[in-house]
Amino acid sequence: SNRLGELAGEAIGDLLEVNETLISLDLQFNQIPVEASETIANALIVNQTLITLCLGHNQLSDEGGAMIVKSLEKNMTLTTLDLGWNNLSEASGEVVAKLLKVNRTLTVLTLSGNDLTSTAMEAIIDALKINNTLTSLDLEYSNFSGPLMSAMTNLLKTNETLCKLNLGGNRLSDNDGELIADALKINRTLTLLDLHSNEFTDCIARTIANVFEFNYTLDTVHLENNQFSEQGRAIIINAIDTQSRTIWNRRGTEASGAALLVRKGPVRYGLHSDQIN
């Protein structure tokens, strides 16, 4: 975090045009101005080395974000792009959707904490019906709920590429949880699903537990900071324990205590810090 000004940002862009060794660049929390975004975007068109670019928390806005995204229509090297928390809205979302239809290199995309509209989100989901490259998508804190969940869960029933999906912090309801569970009974690709900080209650606990009777691909699920009671947690935990799977907390360390029973096995399941009624 250096709060780069226009000149510094442009200098980095100029460097990327000629650099042949740098493979990862993290410019988070730097308030990159639009002029610098344009220079960086132009560099990405010609750069053939950079693999990872993190631009999160830079207030890029639609103008700066669109420039970066459009450059990747010609870039054939970058595989990881973080545009989280950049005040991106519908215009940027539509540009992202267009990119996903043509780009065959990008595998990891972070769009968390932006103001993407339902229209933009639907366009992105439609693009993923065509895209067969993206393996990880982060839509945390993106106001992603309601009708969008039907579109996303329908995608999960057919998509054979996406392995990691983050929908945490989106105020997902029990009805949304039902849709997700139905999709997971069919999906055979997703290995990590983050649903932390939503609004799931005990009403959905049994449905979530039943998923593991059908799905043997999913090995990490985050449900922290939902509204499960101790009884609801137990329903989910017992279902996993029946399959001789492992319950882990979100940081990847083995959980302990009366509420969590740990067994060796493939599944890491985060349930700590729920609301216990």
Protein backbone atom coordinates (compact mmCIF):
# COMPACT_ATOMS: atom_id res chain seq x y z
CA SER A 1 0.00 0.00 0.00
CA ASN A 2 1.82 3.11 -1.26
CA ARG A 3 -0.94 5.35 -2.65
CA LEU A 4 0.77 5.55 -6.02
CA GLY A 5 0.29 8.78 -7.91
CA GLU A 6 -0.20 9.20 -11.63
CA LEU A 7 3.53 9.35 -12.46
CA ALA A 8 4.44 6.29 -10.37
CA GLY A 9 1.57 4.30 -11.83
CA GLU A 10 2.55 5.25 -15.35
CA ALA A 11 6.16 4.31 -14.62
CA ILE A 12 5.04 0.83 -13.55
CA GLY A 13 3.04 0.52 -16.76
CA ASP A 14 6.03 1.57 -18.84
CA LEU A 15 8.18 -0.98 -17.02
CA LEU A 16 5.72 -3.77 -17.75
CA GLU A 17 5.95 -3.06 -21.46
CA VAL A 18 9.62 -4.02 -21.53
CA ASN A 19 9.97 -6.33 -18.52
CA GLU A 20 10.61 -9.98 -19.35
CA THR A 21 11.10 -11.46 -15.88
CA LEU A 22 8.36 -10.25 -13.49
CA ILE A 23 5.57 -12.82 -13.20
CA SER A 24 3.55 -11.44 -10.25
CA LEU A 25 2.61 -7.86 -9.33
CA ASP A 26 0.59 -6.79 -6.27
CA LEU A 27 -0.62 -3.17 -6.35
CA GLN A 28 -3.46 -3.41 -3.84
CA PHE A 29 -4.48 -0.35 -1.77
CA ASN A 30 -2.73 2.21 -3.97
CA GLN A 31 -5.58 4.37 -5.31
CA ILE A 32 -4.33 4.01 -8.87
CA PRO A 33 -5.63 6.94 -10.98
CA VAL A 34 -7.34 6.46 -14.34
CA GLU A 35 -4.31 7.71 -16.27
CA ALA A 36 -2.10 5.06 -14.66
CA SER A 37 -4.74 2.40 -15.32
CA GLU A 38 -4.55 3.21 -19.00
CA THR A 39 -0.76 2.86 -19.02
CA ILE A 40 -0.95 -0.48 -17.20
CA ALA A 41 -3.66 -1.68 -19.59
CA ASN A 42 -1.55 -0.78 -22.62
CA ALA A 43 1.38 -2.66 -21.10
CA LEU A 44 -0.72 -5.78 -20.58
CA ILE A 45 -1.47 -5.89 -24.30
CA VAL A 46 2.21 -6.45 -25.11
CA ASN A 47 3.53 -8.04 -21.90
CA GLN A 48 4.13 -11.79 -22.27
CA THR A 49 5.51 -12.56 -18.82
CA LEU A 50 3.16 -11.38 -16.07
CA ILE A 51 0.95 -14.18 -14.75
CA THR A 52 -0.64 -12.62 -11.63
CA LEU A 53 -1.93 -9.06 -11.22
CA CYS A 54 -3.59 -7.87 -8.00
CA LEU A 55 -5.32 -4.50 -8.25
CA GLY A 56 -7.77 -4.84 -5.38
CA HIS A 57 -8.87 -1.83 -3.30
CA ASN A 58 -7.75 0.82 -5.78
CA GLN A 59 -11.00 2.66 -6.53
CA LEU A 60 -10.40 2.08 -10.23
CA SER A 61 -14.06 2.81 -11.09
CA ASP A 62 -15.63 1.65 -14.35
CA GLU A 63 -13.27 3.68 -16.52
CA GLY A 64 -10.06 2.28 -15.10
CA GLY A 65 -11.43 -1.22 -14.61
CA ALA A 66 -12.74 -1.44 -18.17
CA MET A 67 -9.33 -0.47 -19.55
CA ILE A 68 -7.61 -3.25 -17.62
CA VAL A 69 -10.18 -5.87 -18.58
CA LYS A 70 -10.28 -4.94 -22.26
CA SER A 71 -6.50 -5.31 -22.49
CA LEU A 72 -6.87 -8.98 -21.60
CA GLU A 73 -8.73 -9.62 -24.84
CA LYS A 74 -5.27 -9.50 -26.42
CA ASN A 75 -3.14 -10.69 -23.50
CA MET A 76 -2.42 -14.43 -23.62
CA THR A 77 -0.34 -14.76 -20.46
CA LEU A 78 -2.15 -13.43 -17.38
CA THR A 79 -3.92 -16.19 -15.46
CA THR A 80 -4.88 -14.43 -12.20
CA LEU A 81 -6.62 -11.05 -11.91
CA ASP A 82 -7.87 -9.40 -8.72
CA LEU A 83 -10.24 -6.45 -9.24
CA GLY A 84 -11.96 -6.68 -5.87
CA TRP A 85 -13.27 -3.59 -4.08
CA ASN A 86 -12.81 -1.13 -6.94
CA ASN A 87 -16.21 0.54 -7.26
CA LEU A 88 -16.89 -1.38 -10.45
CA SER A 89 -20.52 -1.33 -11.59
CA GLU A 90 -22.64 -2.48 -14.53
CA ALA A 91 -20.40 -1.10 -17.29
CA SER A 92 -17.34 -2.96 -15.97
CA GLY A 93 -19.35 -6.12 -15.41
CA GLU A 94 -20.44 -6.21 -19.02
CA VAL A 95 -16.83 -5.78 -20.15
CA VAL A 96 -15.82 -8.68 -17.89
CA ALA A 97 -18.57 -10.83 -19.41
CA LYS A 98 -17.34 -10.04 -22.90
CA LEU A 99 -13.79 -10.95 -21.90
CA LEU A 100 -14.82 -14.31 -20.46
CA LYS A 101 -16.33 -15.25 -23.81
CA VAL A 102 -13.05 -14.81 -25.69
CA ASN A 103 -10.18 -15.14 -23.20
CA ARG A 104 -8.68 -18.62 -22.91
CA THR A 105 -5.95 -17.85 -20.39
CA LEU A 106 -7.52 -16.36 -17.26
CA THR A 107 -8.19 -19.00 -14.62
CA VAL A 108 -8.65 -16.98 -11.39
CA LEU A 109 -10.88 -13.89 -11.18
CA THR A 110 -11.74 -11.83 -8.09
CA LEU A 111 -14.63 -9.35 -8.31
CA SER A 112 -15.56 -9.18 -4.63
CA GLY A 113 -16.93 -6.05 -3.00
CA ASN A 114 -17.93 -4.22 -6.16
CA ASP A 115 -21.30 -2.73 -7.16
CA LEU A 116 -21.99 -4.99 -10.12
CA THR A 117 -25.68 -4.91 -11.00
CA SER A 118 -27.94 -7.90 -11.59
CA THR A 119 -27.73 -7.24 -15.32
CA ALA A 120 -23.93 -7.37 -15.23
CA MET A 121 -23.93 -10.48 -13.05
CA GLU A 122 -26.30 -12.26 -15.40
CA ALA A 123 -24.03 -11.38 -18.31
CA ILE A 124 -21.04 -12.85 -16.46
CA ILE A 125 -22.94 -16.05 -15.66
CA ASP A 126 -24.02 -16.37 -19.30
CA ALA A 127 -20.39 -15.93 -20.37
CA LEU A 128 -19.35 -18.78 -18.10
CA LYS A 129 -21.62 -21.09 -20.08
CA ILE A 130 -19.15 -20.57 -22.93
CA ASN A 131 -15.90 -20.13 -21.03
CA ASN A 132 -14.06 -23.36 -20.25
CA THR A 133 -10.96 -21.87 -18.66
CA LEU A 134 -11.92 -20.06 -15.45
CA THR A 135 -11.48 -22.31 -12.42
CA SER A 136 -11.89 -19.83 -9.55
CA LEU A 137 -14.43 -17.01 -9.15
CA ASP A 138 -14.73 -14.72 -6.11
CA LEU A 139 -18.03 -12.82 -5.79
CA GLU A 140 -17.84 -12.22 -2.04
CA TYR A 141 -19.89 -9.24 -0.80
CA SER A 142 -21.39 -8.56 -4.22
CA ASN A 143 -25.11 -8.32 -3.35
CA PHE A 144 -25.46 -11.65 -5.10
CA SER A 145 -28.84 -13.10 -4.24
CA GLY A 146 -32.44 -13.42 -5.39
CA PRO A 147 -32.98 -14.24 -9.09
CA LEU A 148 -29.22 -14.39 -9.66
CA MET A 149 -29.02 -17.55 -7.58
CA SER A 150 -31.24 -19.40 -10.02
CA ALA A 151 -28.93 -18.45 -12.87
CA MET A 152 -25.79 -19.37 -10.90
CA THR A 153 -27.10 -22.71 -9.69
CA ASN A 154 -28.27 -23.63 -13.18
CA LEU A 155 -24.72 -22.88 -14.33
CA LEU A 156 -23.27 -25.12 -11.63
CA LYS A 157 -25.38 -28.01 -12.90
CA THR A 158 -23.62 -27.93 -16.27
CA ASN A 159 -20.26 -26.18 -15.77
CA GLU A 160 -17.30 -28.58 -15.80
CA THR A 161 -14.50 -26.08 -15.21
CA LEU A 162 -15.17 -23.98 -12.11
CA CYS A 163 -13.50 -25.52 -9.05
CA LYS A 164 -13.65 -22.69 -6.49
CA LEU A 165 -16.58 -20.32 -5.88
CA ASN A 166 -16.89 -17.68 -3.17
CA LEU A 167 -20.40 -16.36 -2.47
CA GLY A 168 -19.73 -15.30 1.12
CA GLY A 169 -21.31 -12.17 2.57
CA ASN A 170 -24.18 -12.01 0.09
CA ARG A 171 -27.15 -12.32 2.47
CA LEU A 172 -28.14 -15.61 0.90
CA SER A 173 -31.38 -16.99 2.32
CA ASP A 174 -32.52 -20.53 3.04
CA ASN A 175 -34.26 -20.52 -0.34
CA ASP A 176 -30.93 -19.69 -1.97
CA GLY A 177 -29.39 -22.52 0.01
CA GLU A 178 -31.97 -24.94 -1.37
CA LEU A 179 -31.00 -23.97 -4.92
CA ILE A 180 -27.31 -24.40 -4.15
CA ALA A 181 -27.87 -27.81 -2.58
CA ASP A 182 -29.84 -29.02 -5.60
CA ALA A 183 -27.02 -27.92 -7.91
CA LEU A 184 -24.37 -29.62 -5.78
CA LYS A 185 -26.16 -32.94 -6.11
CA ILE A 186 -25.40 -32.74 -9.84
CA ASN A 187 -22.13 -30.78 -10.00
CA ARG A 188 -18.98 -32.93 -10.12
CA THR A 189 -16.35 -30.21 -10.53
CA LEU A 190 -16.56 -27.77 -7.61
CA THR A 191 -14.07 -28.58 -4.84
CA LEU A 192 -14.37 -25.42 -2.71
CA LEU A 193 -17.51 -23.44 -1.91
CA ASP A 194 -17.42 -20.45 0.45
CA LEU A 195 -20.82 -19.47 1.86
CA HIS A 196 -19.67 -17.68 5.01
CA SER A 197 -21.56 -14.72 6.51
CA ASN A 198 -24.90 -15.39 4.86
CA GLU A 199 -28.35 -15.89 6.43
CA PHE A 200 -28.73 -19.67 6.49
CA THR A 201 -30.70 -21.10 9.42
CA ASP A 202 -31.50 -24.53 10.81
CA CYS A 203 -34.23 -24.84 8.18
CA ILE A 204 -31.54 -25.53 5.59
CA ALA A 205 -29.25 -27.69 7.76
CA ARG A 206 -30.81 -31.01 6.74
CA THR A 207 -30.72 -30.05 3.06
CA ILE A 208 -27.02 -29.18 3.31
CA ALA A 209 -26.32 -32.43 5.13
CA ASN A 210 -28.03 -34.44 2.40
CA VAL A 211 -25.72 -32.98 -0.25
CA PHE A 212 -22.91 -35.24 0.94
CA GLU A 213 -24.91 -38.34 0.09
CA PHE A 214 -24.59 -37.38 -3.58
CA ASN A 215 -21.50 -35.18 -3.93
CA TYR A 216 -18.05 -36.68 -3.45
CA THR A 217 -16.10 -33.91 -5.20
CA LEU A 218 -16.63 -31.00 -2.83
CA ASP A 219 -13.89 -31.11 -0.20
CA THR A 220 -14.02 -27.63 1.39
CA VAL A 221 -17.15 -25.76 2.43
CA HIS A 222 -17.26 -22.58 4.51
CA LEU A 223 -20.44 -21.86 6.47
CA GLU A 224 -19.01 -19.66 9.21
CA ASN A 225 -21.05 -16.73 10.55
CA ASN A 226 -24.44 -18.00 9.46
CA GLN A 227 -27.38 -18.46 11.83
CA PHE A 228 -27.21 -22.15 12.69
CA SER A 229 -28.07 -23.22 16.21
CA GLU A 230 -26.04 -25.92 17.93
CA GLN A 231 -28.65 -28.43 16.75
CA GLY A 232 -28.35 -27.26 13.14
CA ARG A 233 -24.58 -27.51 13.28
CA ALA A 234 -24.84 -31.02 14.68
CA ILE A 235 -27.03 -32.15 11.78
CA ILE A 236 -24.42 -31.04 9.25
CA ILE A 237 -21.49 -32.33 11.27
CA ASN A 238 -23.05 -35.76 11.81
CA ALA A 239 -23.75 -36.13 8.10
CA ILE A 240 -20.10 -35.52 7.33
CA ASP A 241 -18.92 -37.70 10.18
CA THR A 242 -21.02 -40.53 8.81
CA GLN A 243 -18.97 -40.31 5.63
CA SER A 244 -15.76 -40.39 7.75
CA ARG A 245 -14.80 -36.92 6.62
CA THR A 246 -12.87 -34.17 8.37
CA ILE A 247 -14.34 -31.02 9.84
CA TRP A 248 -11.87 -28.19 9.83
CA ASN A 249 -12.16 -24.55 10.72
CA ARG A 250 -11.71 -21.83 8.13
CA ARG A 251 -7.99 -21.37 8.74
CA GLY A 252 -7.33 -24.99 7.90
CA THR A 253 -6.50 -26.15 11.43
CA GLU A 254 -8.37 -29.01 13.04
CA ALA A 255 -11.35 -27.83 15.07
CA SER A 256 -12.02 -29.08 18.58
CA GLY A 257 -14.71 -28.89 21.25
CA ALA A 258 -18.06 -30.49 21.89
CA ALA A 259 -19.67 -28.95 18.82
CA LEU A 260 -17.16 -30.41 16.38
CA LEU A 261 -16.22 -34.05 16.06
CA VAL A 262 -13.10 -34.60 13.96
CA ARG A 263 -12.45 -37.66 11.84
CA LYS A 264 -9.74 -38.20 9.25
CA GLY A 265 -11.03 -37.89 5.71
CA PRO A 266 -11.19 -35.64 2.66
CA VAL A 267 -13.67 -32.90 3.57
CA ARG A 268 -12.71 -29.65 5.28
CA TYR A 269 -15.84 -28.07 6.68
CA GLY A 270 -15.89 -24.65 8.36
CA LEU A 271 -18.69 -24.11 10.87
CA HIS A 272 -17.10 -22.12 13.69
CA SER A 273 -18.37 -18.69 14.77
CA ASP A 274 -21.98 -19.34 13.81
CA GLN A 275 -24.76 -17.74 15.80
CA ILE A 276 -25.74 -20.26 18.45
CA ASN A 277 -29.29 -19.73 19.69
